[in-house]
């Protein structure tokens, strides 16, 4: 079975960063900055909000609640059937 965790490179590269390896540079895909030139998959937050909403609607309550509490974005997006009472 392959490991679910990526291992860090044995030593840092002494090669200066070029335009193709600068963190945050976009070249038509995602690259792993620790291993220049190696592509990595898209992450969950790269999906459009419509898909986030569709996925959240398929979750059972405990999973939806966990997702809701991961970030402000998901807190406002995920419906768990419970609404806070407004302060009057």
PDB file of N, CA and C in Angstrom:
ATOM      1  N   UNK A   1       0.845  -1.173   0.000  1.00  0.00           N
ATOM      2  CA  UNK A   1       0.000   0.000   0.000  1.00  0.00           C
ATOM      3  C   UNK A   1       0.892   1.238   0.000  1.00  0.00           C
ATOM      4  N   UNK A   2       0.571   2.195  -0.837  1.00  0.00           N
ATOM      5  CA  UNK A   2       1.365   3.415  -0.880  1.00  0.00           C
ATOM      6  C   UNK A   2       0.997   4.319   0.281  1.00  0.00           C
ATOM      7  N   UNK A   3       1.945   5.120   0.675  1.00  0.00           N
ATOM      8  CA  UNK A   3       1.726   6.025   1.801  1.00  0.00           C
ATOM      9  C   UNK A   3       0.794   7.156   1.399  1.00  0.00           C
ATOM     10  N   UNK A   4      -0.071   7.555   2.315  1.00  0.00           N
ATOM     11  CA  UNK A   4      -0.969   8.676   2.065  1.00  0.00           C
ATOM     12  C   UNK A   4      -0.274  10.012   2.286  1.00  0.00           C
ATOM     13  N   UNK A   5       0.886   9.981   2.941  1.00  0.00           N
ATOM     14  CA  UNK A   5       1.615  11.197   3.236  1.00  0.00           C
ATOM     15  C   UNK A   5       2.782  11.346   2.274  1.00  0.00           C
ATOM     16  N   UNK A   6       2.985  12.561   1.791  1.00  0.00           N
ATOM     17  CA  UNK A   6       4.121  12.825   0.925  1.00  0.00           C
ATOM     18  C   UNK A   6       5.348  13.051   1.787  1.00  0.00           C
ATOM     19  N   UNK A   7       6.454  12.508   1.364  1.00  0.00           N
ATOM     20  CA  UNK A   7       7.685  12.729   2.120  1.00  0.00           C
ATOM     21  C   UNK A   7       8.353  14.000   1.608  1.00  0.00           C
ATOM     22  N   UNK A   8       9.035  14.685   2.510  1.00  0.00           N
ATOM     23  CA  UNK A   8       9.751  15.897   2.143  1.00  0.00           C
ATOM     24  C   UNK A   8      11.045  15.526   1.443  1.00  0.00           C
ATOM     25  N   UNK A   9      11.547  16.393   0.568  1.00  0.00           N
ATOM     26  CA  UNK A   9      12.820  16.118  -0.090  1.00  0.00           C
ATOM     27  C   UNK A   9      13.930  15.981   0.948  1.00  0.00           C
ATOM     28  N   UNK A  10      14.933  15.177   0.627  1.00  0.00           N
ATOM     29  CA  UNK A  10      16.034  14.930   1.555  1.00  0.00           C
ATOM     30  C   UNK A  10      16.802  16.205   1.866  1.00  0.00           C
ATOM     31  N   UNK A  11      17.026  17.050   0.871  1.00  0.00           N
ATOM     32  CA  UNK A  11      17.732  18.309   1.118  1.00  0.00           C
ATOM     33  C   UNK A  11      17.122  19.396   0.250  1.00  0.00           C
ATOM     34  N   UNK A  12      17.273  20.617   0.690  1.00  0.00           N
ATOM     35  CA  UNK A  12      16.745  21.745  -0.077  1.00  0.00           C
ATOM     36  C   UNK A  12      17.620  21.971  -1.304  1.00  0.00           C
ATOM     37  N   UNK A  13      16.989  22.348  -2.382  1.00  0.00           N
ATOM     38  CA  UNK A  13      17.719  22.614  -3.613  1.00  0.00           C
ATOM     39  C   UNK A  13      18.477  23.931  -3.497  1.00  0.00           C
ATOM     40  N   UNK A  14      19.688  23.971  -4.057  1.00  0.00           N
ATOM     41  CA  UNK A  14      20.473  25.206  -4.048  1.00  0.00           C
ATOM     42  C   UNK A  14      20.217  26.012  -5.311  1.00  0.00           C
ATOM     43  N   UNK A  15      19.442  25.453  -6.221  1.00  0.00           N
ATOM     44  CA  UNK A  15      19.121  26.145  -7.459  1.00  0.00           C
ATOM     45  C   UNK A  15      18.166  27.303  -7.155  1.00  0.00           C
ATOM     46  N   UNK A  16      18.459  28.528  -7.647  1.00  0.00           N
ATOM     47  CA  UNK A  16      17.549  29.647  -7.400  1.00  0.00           C
ATOM     48  C   UNK A  16      16.213  29.410  -8.094  1.00  0.00           C
ATOM     49  N   UNK A  17      15.171  29.979  -7.521  1.00  0.00           N
ATOM     50  CA  UNK A  17      13.848  29.825  -8.112  1.00  0.00           C
ATOM     51  C   UNK A  17      13.773  30.599  -9.416  1.00  0.00           C
ATOM     52  N   UNK A  18      13.282  29.953 -10.435  1.00  0.00           N
ATOM     53  CA  UNK A  18      13.075  30.604 -11.709  1.00  0.00           C
ATOM     54  C   UNK A  18      11.597  30.867 -11.894  1.00  0.00           C
ATOM     55  N   UNK A  19      11.207  31.451 -13.021  1.00  0.00           N
ATOM     56  CA  UNK A  19       9.792  31.751 -13.231  1.00  0.00           C
ATOM     57  C   UNK A  19       8.917  30.499 -13.231  1.00  0.00           C
ATOM     58  N   UNK A  20       9.484  29.346 -13.631  1.00  0.00           N
ATOM     59  CA  UNK A  20       8.683  28.134 -13.683  1.00  0.00           C
ATOM     60  C   UNK A  20       8.528  27.461 -12.328  1.00  0.00           C
ATOM     61  N   UNK A  21       9.337  27.848 -11.335  1.00  0.00           N
ATOM     62  CA  UNK A  21       9.254  27.198 -10.030  1.00  0.00           C
ATOM     63  C   UNK A  21       8.872  28.152  -8.909  1.00  0.00           C
ATOM     64  N   UNK A  22       8.515  29.392  -9.241  1.00  0.00           N
ATOM     65  CA  UNK A  22       8.142  30.335  -8.199  1.00  0.00           C
ATOM     66  C   UNK A  22       6.844  29.901  -7.543  1.00  0.00           C
ATOM     67  N   UNK A  23       6.789  29.982  -6.209  1.00  0.00           N
ATOM     68  CA  UNK A  23       5.542  29.641  -5.530  1.00  0.00           C
ATOM     69  C   UNK A  23       4.409  30.528  -6.023  1.00  0.00           C
ATOM     70  N   UNK A  24       3.272  29.915  -6.258  1.00  0.00           N
ATOM     71  CA  UNK A  24       2.102  30.665  -6.684  1.00  0.00           C
ATOM     72  C   UNK A  24       2.017  30.897  -8.181  1.00  0.00           C
ATOM     73  N   UNK A  25       3.034  30.489  -8.945  1.00  0.00           N
ATOM     74  CA  UNK A  25       2.957  30.699 -10.385  1.00  0.00           C
ATOM     75  C   UNK A  25       2.009  29.675 -10.990  1.00  0.00           C
ATOM     76  N   UNK A  26       1.268  30.099 -11.977  1.00  0.00           N
ATOM     77  CA  UNK A  26       0.286  29.222 -12.604  1.00  0.00           C
ATOM     78  C   UNK A  26       0.735  28.913 -14.012  1.00  0.00           C
ATOM     79  N   UNK A  27       0.846  27.618 -14.316  1.00  0.00           N
ATOM     80  CA  UNK A  27       1.268  27.207 -15.654  1.00  0.00           C
ATOM     81  C   UNK A  27       0.289  26.198 -16.224  1.00  0.00           C
ATOM     82  N   UNK A  28      -1.000  26.480 -16.112  1.00  0.00           N
ATOM     83  CA  UNK A  28      -1.990  25.578 -16.680  1.00  0.00           C
ATOM     84  C   UNK A  28      -2.247  24.358 -15.819  1.00  0.00           C
ATOM     85  N   UNK A  29      -1.800  24.345 -14.617  1.00  0.00           N
ATOM     86  CA  UNK A  29      -2.002  23.233 -13.700  1.00  0.00           C
ATOM     87  C   UNK A  29      -1.337  23.564 -12.390  1.00  0.00           C
ATOM     88  N   UNK A  30      -1.426  22.671 -11.477  1.00  0.00           N
ATOM     89  CA  UNK A  30      -0.841  22.910 -10.165  1.00  0.00           C
ATOM     90  C   UNK A  30       0.464  22.151 -10.066  1.00  0.00           C
ATOM     91  N   UNK A  31       1.476  22.817  -9.547  1.00  0.00           N
ATOM     92  CA  UNK A  31       2.754  22.145  -9.355  1.00  0.00           C
ATOM     93  C   UNK A  31       3.085  22.127  -7.880  1.00  0.00           C
ATOM     94  N   UNK A  32       3.790  21.115  -7.478  1.00  0.00           N
ATOM     95  CA  UNK A  32       4.226  20.982  -6.097  1.00  0.00           C
ATOM     96  C   UNK A  32       5.536  21.741  -5.977  1.00  0.00           C
ATOM     97  N   UNK A  33       5.569  22.792  -5.163  1.00  0.00           N
ATOM     98  CA  UNK A  33       6.763  23.638  -5.057  1.00  0.00           C
ATOM     99  C   UNK A  33       7.955  22.910  -4.463  1.00  0.00           C
ATOM    100  N   UNK A  34       7.716  21.803  -3.756  1.00  0.00           N
ATOM    101  CA  UNK A  34       8.834  21.061  -3.174  1.00  0.00           C
ATOM    102  C   UNK A  34       9.537  20.215  -4.223  1.00  0.00           C
ATOM    103  N   UNK A  35       8.840  19.838  -5.269  1.00  0.00           N
ATOM    104  CA  UNK A  35       9.442  19.064  -6.354  1.00  0.00           C
ATOM    105  C   UNK A  35       9.107  19.772  -7.663  1.00  0.00           C
ATOM    106  N   UNK A  36       9.944  20.730  -8.079  1.00  0.00           N
ATOM    107  CA  UNK A  36       9.664  21.527  -9.267  1.00  0.00           C
ATOM    108  C   UNK A  36       9.366  20.666 -10.492  1.00  0.00           C
ATOM    109  N   UNK A  37       8.347  21.072 -11.231  1.00  0.00           N
ATOM    110  CA  UNK A  37       7.981  20.380 -12.451  1.00  0.00           C
ATOM    111  C   UNK A  37       7.006  19.239 -12.244  1.00  0.00           C
ATOM    112  N   UNK A  38       6.830  18.785 -11.009  1.00  0.00           N
ATOM    113  CA  UNK A  38       5.912  17.681 -10.741  1.00  0.00           C
ATOM    114  C   UNK A  38       4.518  18.251 -10.492  1.00  0.00           C
ATOM    115  N   UNK A  39       3.551  17.755 -11.218  1.00  0.00           N
ATOM    116  CA  UNK A  39       2.178  18.230 -11.057  1.00  0.00           C
ATOM    117  C   UNK A  39       1.513  17.550  -9.877  1.00  0.00           C
ATOM    118  N   UNK A  40       0.633  18.286  -9.235  1.00  0.00           N
ATOM    119  CA  UNK A  40      -0.181  17.694  -8.185  1.00  0.00           C
ATOM    120  C   UNK A  40      -1.635  17.888  -8.577  1.00  0.00           C
ATOM    121  N   UNK A  41      -2.517  17.146  -7.959  1.00  0.00           N
ATOM    122  CA  UNK A  41      -3.930  17.241  -8.275  1.00  0.00           C
ATOM    123  C   UNK A  41      -4.546  18.524  -7.745  1.00  0.00           C
ATOM    124  N   UNK A  42      -5.711  18.839  -8.270  1.00  0.00           N
ATOM    125  CA  UNK A  42      -6.457  19.992  -7.778  1.00  0.00           C
ATOM    126  C   UNK A  42      -6.959  19.697  -6.375  1.00  0.00           C
ATOM    127  N   UNK A  43      -7.152  20.735  -5.583  1.00  0.00           N
ATOM    128  CA  UNK A  43      -7.655  20.485  -4.247  1.00  0.00           C
ATOM    129  C   UNK A  43      -9.136  20.833  -4.166  1.00  0.00           C
ATOM    130  N   UNK A  44      -9.767  20.474  -3.071  1.00  0.00           N
ATOM    131  CA  UNK A  44     -11.215  20.617  -2.901  1.00  0.00           C
ATOM    132  C   UNK A  44     -11.665  22.066  -3.058  1.00  0.00           C
ATOM    133  N   UNK A  45     -10.876  23.009  -2.590  1.00  0.00           N
ATOM    134  CA  UNK A  45     -11.263  24.416  -2.675  1.00  0.00           C
ATOM    135  C   UNK A  45     -11.158  24.969  -4.092  1.00  0.00           C
ATOM    136  N   UNK A  46     -10.543  24.233  -5.000  1.00  0.00           N
ATOM    137  CA  UNK A  46     -10.458  24.665  -6.391  1.00  0.00           C
ATOM    138  C   UNK A  46     -11.740  24.371  -7.162  1.00  0.00           C
ATOM    139  N   UNK A  47     -12.622  23.569  -6.580  1.00  0.00           N
ATOM    140  CA  UNK A  47     -13.894  23.257  -7.226  1.00  0.00           C
ATOM    141  C   UNK A  47     -14.817  24.466  -7.153  1.00  0.00           C
ATOM    142  N   UNK A  48     -15.760  24.584  -8.092  1.00  0.00           N
ATOM    143  CA  UNK A  48     -16.699  25.710  -8.046  1.00  0.00           C
ATOM    144  C   UNK A  48     -17.665  25.577  -6.868  1.00  0.00           C
ATOM    145  N   UNK A  49     -18.182  26.705  -6.372  1.00  0.00           N
ATOM    146  CA  UNK A  49     -19.101  26.690  -5.228  1.00  0.00           C
ATOM    147  C   UNK A  49     -20.337  25.813  -5.442  1.00  0.00           C
ATOM    148  N   UNK A  50     -20.776  25.700  -6.684  1.00  0.00           N
ATOM    149  CA  UNK A  50     -21.940  24.868  -6.972  1.00  0.00           C
ATOM    150  C   UNK A  50     -21.679  23.414  -6.593  1.00  0.00           C
ATOM    151  N   UNK A  51     -20.465  22.936  -6.862  1.00  0.00           N
ATOM    152  CA  UNK A  51     -20.117  21.563  -6.491  1.00  0.00           C
ATOM    153  C   UNK A  51     -19.973  21.416  -4.984  1.00  0.00           C
ATOM    154  N   UNK A  52     -19.434  22.439  -4.317  1.00  0.00           N
ATOM    155  CA  UNK A  52     -19.357  22.396  -2.854  1.00  0.00           C
ATOM    156  C   UNK A  52     -20.756  22.233  -2.269  1.00  0.00           C
ATOM    157  N   UNK A  53     -21.705  22.984  -2.810  1.00  0.00           N
ATOM    158  CA  UNK A  53     -23.079  22.922  -2.316  1.00  0.00           C
ATOM    159  C   UNK A  53     -23.697  21.553  -2.579  1.00  0.00           C
ATOM    160  N   UNK A  54     -23.507  21.022  -3.776  1.00  0.00           N
ATOM    161  CA  UNK A  54     -24.049  19.696  -4.099  1.00  0.00           C
ATOM    162  C   UNK A  54     -23.444  18.612  -3.215  1.00  0.00           C
ATOM    163  N   UNK A  55     -22.149  18.685  -2.987  1.00  0.00           N
ATOM    164  CA  UNK A  55     -21.482  17.699  -2.134  1.00  0.00           C
ATOM    165  C   UNK A  55     -21.996  17.809  -0.706  1.00  0.00           C
ATOM    166  N   UNK A  56     -22.120  19.040  -0.206  1.00  0.00           N
ATOM    167  CA  UNK A  56     -22.562  19.223   1.184  1.00  0.00           C
ATOM    168  C   UNK A  56     -23.983  18.722   1.399  1.00  0.00           C
ATOM    169  N   UNK A  57     -24.814  18.783   0.373  1.00  0.00           N
ATOM    170  CA  UNK A  57     -26.198  18.298   0.497  1.00  0.00           C
ATOM    171  C   UNK A  57     -26.267  16.779   0.601  1.00  0.00           C
ATOM    172  N   UNK A  58     -25.241  16.085   0.148  1.00  0.00           N
ATOM    173  CA  UNK A  58     -25.221  14.621   0.198  1.00  0.00           C
ATOM    174  C   UNK A  58     -24.646  14.074   1.503  1.00  0.00           C
ATOM    175  N   UNK A  59     -24.100  14.943   2.347  1.00  0.00           N
ATOM    176  CA  UNK A  59     -23.467  14.490   3.583  1.00  0.00           C
ATOM    177  C   UNK A  59     -24.496  14.189   4.668  1.00  0.00           C
ATOM    178  N   UNK A  60     -24.189  13.201   5.504  1.00  0.00           N
ATOM    179  CA  UNK A  60     -25.028  12.954   6.668  1.00  0.00           C
ATOM    180  C   UNK A  60     -24.714  14.039   7.698  1.00  0.00           C
ATOM    181  N   UNK A  61     -25.603  14.211   8.674  1.00  0.00           N
ATOM    182  CA  UNK A  61     -25.496  15.325   9.611  1.00  0.00           C
ATOM    183  C   UNK A  61     -24.118  15.470  10.262  1.00  0.00           C
ATOM    184  N   UNK A  62     -23.539  14.421  10.859  1.00  0.00           N
ATOM    185  CA  UNK A  62     -22.234  14.629  11.523  1.00  0.00           C
ATOM    186  C   UNK A  62     -21.146  15.107  10.560  1.00  0.00           C
ATOM    187  N   UNK A  63     -21.162  14.590   9.334  1.00  0.00           N
ATOM    188  CA  UNK A  63     -20.153  15.002   8.350  1.00  0.00           C
ATOM    189  C   UNK A  63     -20.397  16.430   7.875  1.00  0.00           C
ATOM    190  N   UNK A  64     -21.670  16.795   7.675  1.00  0.00           N
ATOM    191  CA  UNK A  64     -21.996  18.165   7.273  1.00  0.00           C
ATOM    192  C   UNK A  64     -21.592  19.145   8.368  1.00  0.00           C
ATOM    193  N   UNK A  65     -21.825  18.772   9.615  1.00  0.00           N
ATOM    194  CA  UNK A  65     -21.454  19.635  10.735  1.00  0.00           C
ATOM    195  C   UNK A  65     -19.936  19.804  10.811  1.00  0.00           C
ATOM    196  N   UNK A  66     -19.198  18.729  10.586  1.00  0.00           N
ATOM    197  CA  UNK A  66     -17.730  18.812  10.582  1.00  0.00           C
ATOM    198  C   UNK A  66     -17.241  19.725   9.468  1.00  0.00           C
ATOM    199  N   UNK A  67     -17.805  19.567   8.269  1.00  0.00           N
ATOM    200  CA  UNK A  67     -17.419  20.424   7.147  1.00  0.00           C
ATOM    201  C   UNK A  67     -17.772  21.873   7.446  1.00  0.00           C
ATOM    202  N   UNK A  68     -18.940  22.095   8.020  1.00  0.00           N
ATOM    203  CA  UNK A  68     -19.402  23.444   8.344  1.00  0.00           C
ATOM    204  C   UNK A  68     -18.413  24.172   9.256  1.00  0.00           C
ATOM    205  N   UNK A  69     -17.774  23.449  10.154  1.00  0.00           N
ATOM    206  CA  UNK A  69     -16.876  24.075  11.121  1.00  0.00           C
ATOM    207  C   UNK A  69     -15.414  24.113  10.670  1.00  0.00           C
ATOM    208  N   UNK A  70     -15.140  23.839   9.393  1.00  0.00           N
ATOM    209  CA  UNK A  70     -13.760  23.906   8.906  1.00  0.00           C
ATOM    210  C   UNK A  70     -13.337  25.312   8.508  1.00  0.00           C
ATOM    211  N   UNK A  71     -14.284  26.138   8.051  1.00  0.00           N
ATOM    212  CA  UNK A  71     -13.929  27.497   7.640  1.00  0.00           C
ATOM    213  C   UNK A  71     -15.171  28.372   7.612  1.00  0.00           C
ATOM    214  N   UNK A  72     -14.972  29.677   7.544  1.00  0.00           N
ATOM    215  CA  UNK A  72     -16.111  30.606   7.443  1.00  0.00           C
ATOM    216  C   UNK A  72     -16.888  30.370   6.157  1.00  0.00           C
ATOM    217  N   UNK A  73     -16.170  30.058   5.116  1.00  0.00           N
ATOM    218  CA  UNK A  73     -16.815  29.806   3.827  1.00  0.00           C
ATOM    219  C   UNK A  73     -17.832  28.674   3.951  1.00  0.00           C
ATOM    220  N   UNK A  74     -17.398  27.541   4.496  1.00  0.00           N
ATOM    221  CA  UNK A  74     -18.306  26.405   4.627  1.00  0.00           C
ATOM    222  C   UNK A  74     -19.343  26.626   5.723  1.00  0.00           C
ATOM    223  N   UNK A  75     -19.024  27.419   6.731  1.00  0.00           N
ATOM    224  CA  UNK A  75     -19.995  27.696   7.785  1.00  0.00           C
ATOM    225  C   UNK A  75     -21.223  28.377   7.190  1.00  0.00           C
ATOM    226  N   UNK A  76     -21.004  29.285   6.251  1.00  0.00           N
ATOM    227  CA  UNK A  76     -22.117  29.990   5.613  1.00  0.00           C
ATOM    228  C   UNK A  76     -22.769  29.184   4.500  1.00  0.00           C
ATOM    229  N   UNK A  77     -22.072  28.220   3.954  1.00  0.00           N
ATOM    230  CA  UNK A  77     -22.579  27.460   2.813  1.00  0.00           C
ATOM    231  C   UNK A  77     -23.374  26.223   3.214  1.00  0.00           C
ATOM    232  N   UNK A  78     -22.908  25.494   4.209  1.00  0.00           N
ATOM    233  CA  UNK A  78     -23.477  24.189   4.559  1.00  0.00           C
ATOM    234  C   UNK A  78     -24.708  24.359   5.443  1.00  0.00           C
ATOM    235  N   UNK A  79     -25.801  23.716   5.039  1.00  0.00           N
ATOM    236  CA  UNK A  79     -27.044  23.744   5.813  1.00  0.00           C
ATOM    237  C   UNK A  79     -27.143  22.462   6.626  1.00  0.00           C
ATOM    238  N   UNK A  80     -27.292  22.614   7.949  1.00  0.00           N
ATOM    239  CA  UNK A  80     -27.409  21.443   8.821  1.00  0.00           C
ATOM    240  C   UNK A  80     -28.784  21.340   9.466  1.00  0.00           C
ATOM    241  N   UNK A  81     -29.692  22.249   9.130  1.00  0.00           N
ATOM    242  CA  UNK A  81     -31.033  22.198   9.695  1.00  0.00           C
ATOM    243  C   UNK A  81     -31.165  22.951  11.003  1.00  0.00           C
ATOM    244  N   UNK A  82     -30.107  23.604  11.430  1.00  0.00           N
ATOM    245  CA  UNK A  82     -30.137  24.347  12.684  1.00  0.00           C
ATOM    246  C   UNK A  82     -29.785  25.794  12.386  1.00  0.00           C
ATOM    247  N   UNK A  83     -30.640  26.712  12.833  1.00  0.00           N
ATOM    248  CA  UNK A  83     -30.374  28.136  12.623  1.00  0.00           C
ATOM    249  C   UNK A  83     -30.214  28.814  13.974  1.00  0.00           C
ATOM    250  N   UNK A  84     -29.246  29.706  14.065  1.00  0.00           N
ATOM    251  CA  UNK A  84     -29.055  30.472  15.299  1.00  0.00           C
ATOM    252  C   UNK A  84     -30.209  31.449  15.456  1.00  0.00           C
ATOM    253  N   UNK A  85     -30.661  31.635  16.682  1.00  0.00           N
ATOM    254  CA  UNK A  85     -31.696  32.631  16.955  1.00  0.00           C
ATOM    255  C   UNK A  85     -31.071  34.015  16.851  1.00  0.00           C
ATOM    256  N   UNK A  86     -31.751  34.899  16.168  1.00  0.00           N
ATOM    257  CA  UNK A  86     -31.253  36.260  16.013  1.00  0.00           C
ATOM    258  C   UNK A  86     -31.431  37.023  17.319  1.00  0.00           C
ATOM    259  N   UNK A  87     -30.436  37.806  17.676  1.00  0.00           N
ATOM    260  CA  UNK A  87     -30.537  38.643  18.876  1.00  0.00           C
ATOM    261  C   UNK A  87     -31.471  39.810  18.581  1.00  0.00           C
ATOM    262  N   UNK A  88     -32.356  40.103  19.502  1.00  0.00           N
ATOM    263  CA  UNK A  88     -33.298  41.205  19.261  1.00  0.00           C
ATOM    264  C   UNK A  88     -32.873  42.468  19.950  1.00  0.00           C
TER     265      UNK A  88
END
